[in-house]
Each structure stands twice: as C-alpha cells, then as structure tokens.
Amino acid sequence: MSFNCSNIGATLSSAGNHSQKGTLMAEEVIRDRTGRRLGIIVQEGNRLVARNVQNLPLGYYDLKDGYTRDTTQTIICKGNILAALVLKAAGA
C-alpha cells in the first residue's frame, strides 16, 4: 500500500479530530458524511492502531518515532495518516 503523504491533508481534515504525537486518546471513531462507521483508531501502549469495521488492523502510528506503518511494519509516511488508512480501506 502506498500513499503520497503530501496529498493526505485534505482527506485528514475532513475525517475529524486526529491525535498528534504525545496526545492521549482512548478511541476515535471514523465516520463517513452520512454517519456510517468506517473504523476506529485506538491507543495501544505507545502506538495508535487503525482498525476497520471488522476490527482488523489497518496500520499503526508510533507515538515515539512519528511514523505510520502498515500491518507488515513497513513505513508508509512520516506523520499520522491512520484516518486516511481507514477511509481508503472503506472505499470512502
């Protein structure tokens, strides 16, 4: 899976609130414009995990190093683009 990190900003800003490095969160539900649940972002230790509606992991954001990784631990982007992973997986 590949992303052009420079083009993610518009998608992220329309997806709702996003955690930044060091910000604590319990769970963030990602929804489409009609309110349909697309997935969630949860904190597990020192990383945030994006999960789809079937609760399968889509990717990880490491709060310490600031990189988003896919499920094979390959770096996708510098910064948190987990909401974009959820949107892409849902076809939104």
Protein backbone atom coordinates (compact mmCIF):
# COMPACT_ATOMS: atom_id res chain seq x y z
CA MET A 1 0.00 0.00 0.00
CA SER A 2 1.46 3.40 -0.89
CA PHE A 3 0.42 6.95 -0.13
CA ASN A 4 1.54 10.31 -1.36
CA CYS A 5 1.91 11.98 2.03
CA SER A 6 1.77 15.48 0.61
CA ASN A 7 -1.79 14.92 -0.68
CA ILE A 8 -3.26 13.43 2.51
CA GLY A 9 -4.02 16.72 4.29
CA ALA A 10 -7.43 17.37 2.71
CA THR A 11 -8.60 13.85 3.45
CA LEU A 12 -7.47 14.04 7.05
CA SER A 13 -9.02 17.41 7.77
CA SER A 14 -12.41 16.16 6.60
CA ALA A 15 -12.18 12.99 8.71
CA GLY A 16 -12.41 14.61 12.14
CA ASN A 17 -10.06 15.12 15.08
CA HIS A 18 -6.67 13.45 14.97
CA SER A 19 -4.15 12.70 17.65
CA GLN A 20 -0.77 14.29 17.38
CA LYS A 21 2.48 12.96 18.81
CA GLY A 22 2.13 12.62 22.58
CA THR A 23 -1.62 13.19 22.76
CA LEU A 24 -3.53 10.54 24.70
CA MET A 25 -6.78 9.14 23.35
CA ALA A 26 -8.95 6.16 24.16
CA GLU A 27 -10.79 5.63 20.87
CA GLU A 28 -11.67 7.73 17.85
CA VAL A 29 -14.50 6.57 15.60
CA ILE A 30 -14.06 7.45 11.92
CA ARG A 31 -17.37 8.00 10.09
CA ASP A 32 -18.37 8.98 6.59
CA ARG A 33 -20.54 12.01 5.82
CA THR A 34 -23.73 10.05 6.43
CA GLY A 35 -22.58 8.92 9.87
CA ARG A 36 -21.77 5.35 8.85
CA ARG A 37 -18.95 3.91 10.95
CA LEU A 38 -15.89 3.17 8.81
CA GLY A 39 -13.41 2.20 11.50
CA ILE A 40 -11.69 3.29 14.67
CA ILE A 41 -8.32 4.49 15.91
CA VAL A 42 -7.34 3.23 19.35
CA GLN A 43 -4.27 3.67 21.52
CA GLU A 44 -2.38 0.52 22.43
CA GLY A 45 0.66 1.36 24.52
CA ASN A 46 2.96 3.75 22.65
CA ARG A 47 1.17 3.44 19.34
CA LEU A 48 -2.15 4.19 17.75
CA VAL A 49 -3.84 1.45 15.75
CA ALA A 50 -6.31 1.97 12.89
CA ARG A 51 -8.94 -0.76 12.64
CA ASN A 52 -11.70 -1.34 10.10
CA VAL A 53 -15.33 -2.10 10.99
CA GLN A 54 -14.46 -5.81 11.28
CA ASN A 55 -11.85 -4.76 13.91
CA LEU A 56 -8.94 -5.89 11.72
CA PRO A 57 -5.80 -3.73 11.98
CA LEU A 58 -5.02 -1.49 9.01
CA GLY A 59 -1.89 0.26 10.24
CA TYR A 60 -0.01 1.73 13.16
CA TYR A 61 1.29 5.15 14.20
CA ASP A 62 4.24 5.10 16.57
CA LEU A 63 3.95 7.96 19.07
CA LYS A 64 7.71 7.91 19.71
CA ASP A 65 9.16 7.93 16.20
CA GLY A 66 6.27 9.67 14.42
CA TYR A 67 5.92 7.20 11.54
CA THR A 68 2.81 5.47 10.20
CA ARG A 69 3.36 1.83 9.27
CA ASP A 70 1.22 -0.76 7.52
CA THR A 71 0.35 -4.14 9.02
CA THR A 72 3.70 -5.57 7.83
CA GLN A 73 5.51 -2.80 9.78
CA THR A 74 6.65 -1.10 6.55
CA ILE A 75 6.88 2.68 6.93
CA ILE A 76 4.19 4.39 4.86
CA CYS A 77 4.66 8.00 5.84
CA LYS A 78 6.21 10.39 8.36
CA GLY A 79 3.26 11.61 10.46
CA ASN A 80 -0.11 10.22 11.45
CA ILE A 81 -2.23 9.18 8.45
CA LEU A 82 -4.30 6.49 10.20
CA ALA A 83 -7.61 8.20 9.36
CA ALA A 84 -6.60 8.09 5.69
CA LEU A 85 -5.94 4.33 6.01
CA VAL A 86 -9.44 3.83 7.40
CA LEU A 87 -11.01 5.94 4.64
CA LYS A 88 -9.06 4.13 1.92
CA ALA A 89 -9.95 0.68 3.31
CA ALA A 90 -13.63 1.66 3.40
CA GLY A 91 -13.52 2.99 -0.15
CA ALA A 92 -14.55 6.47 1.02
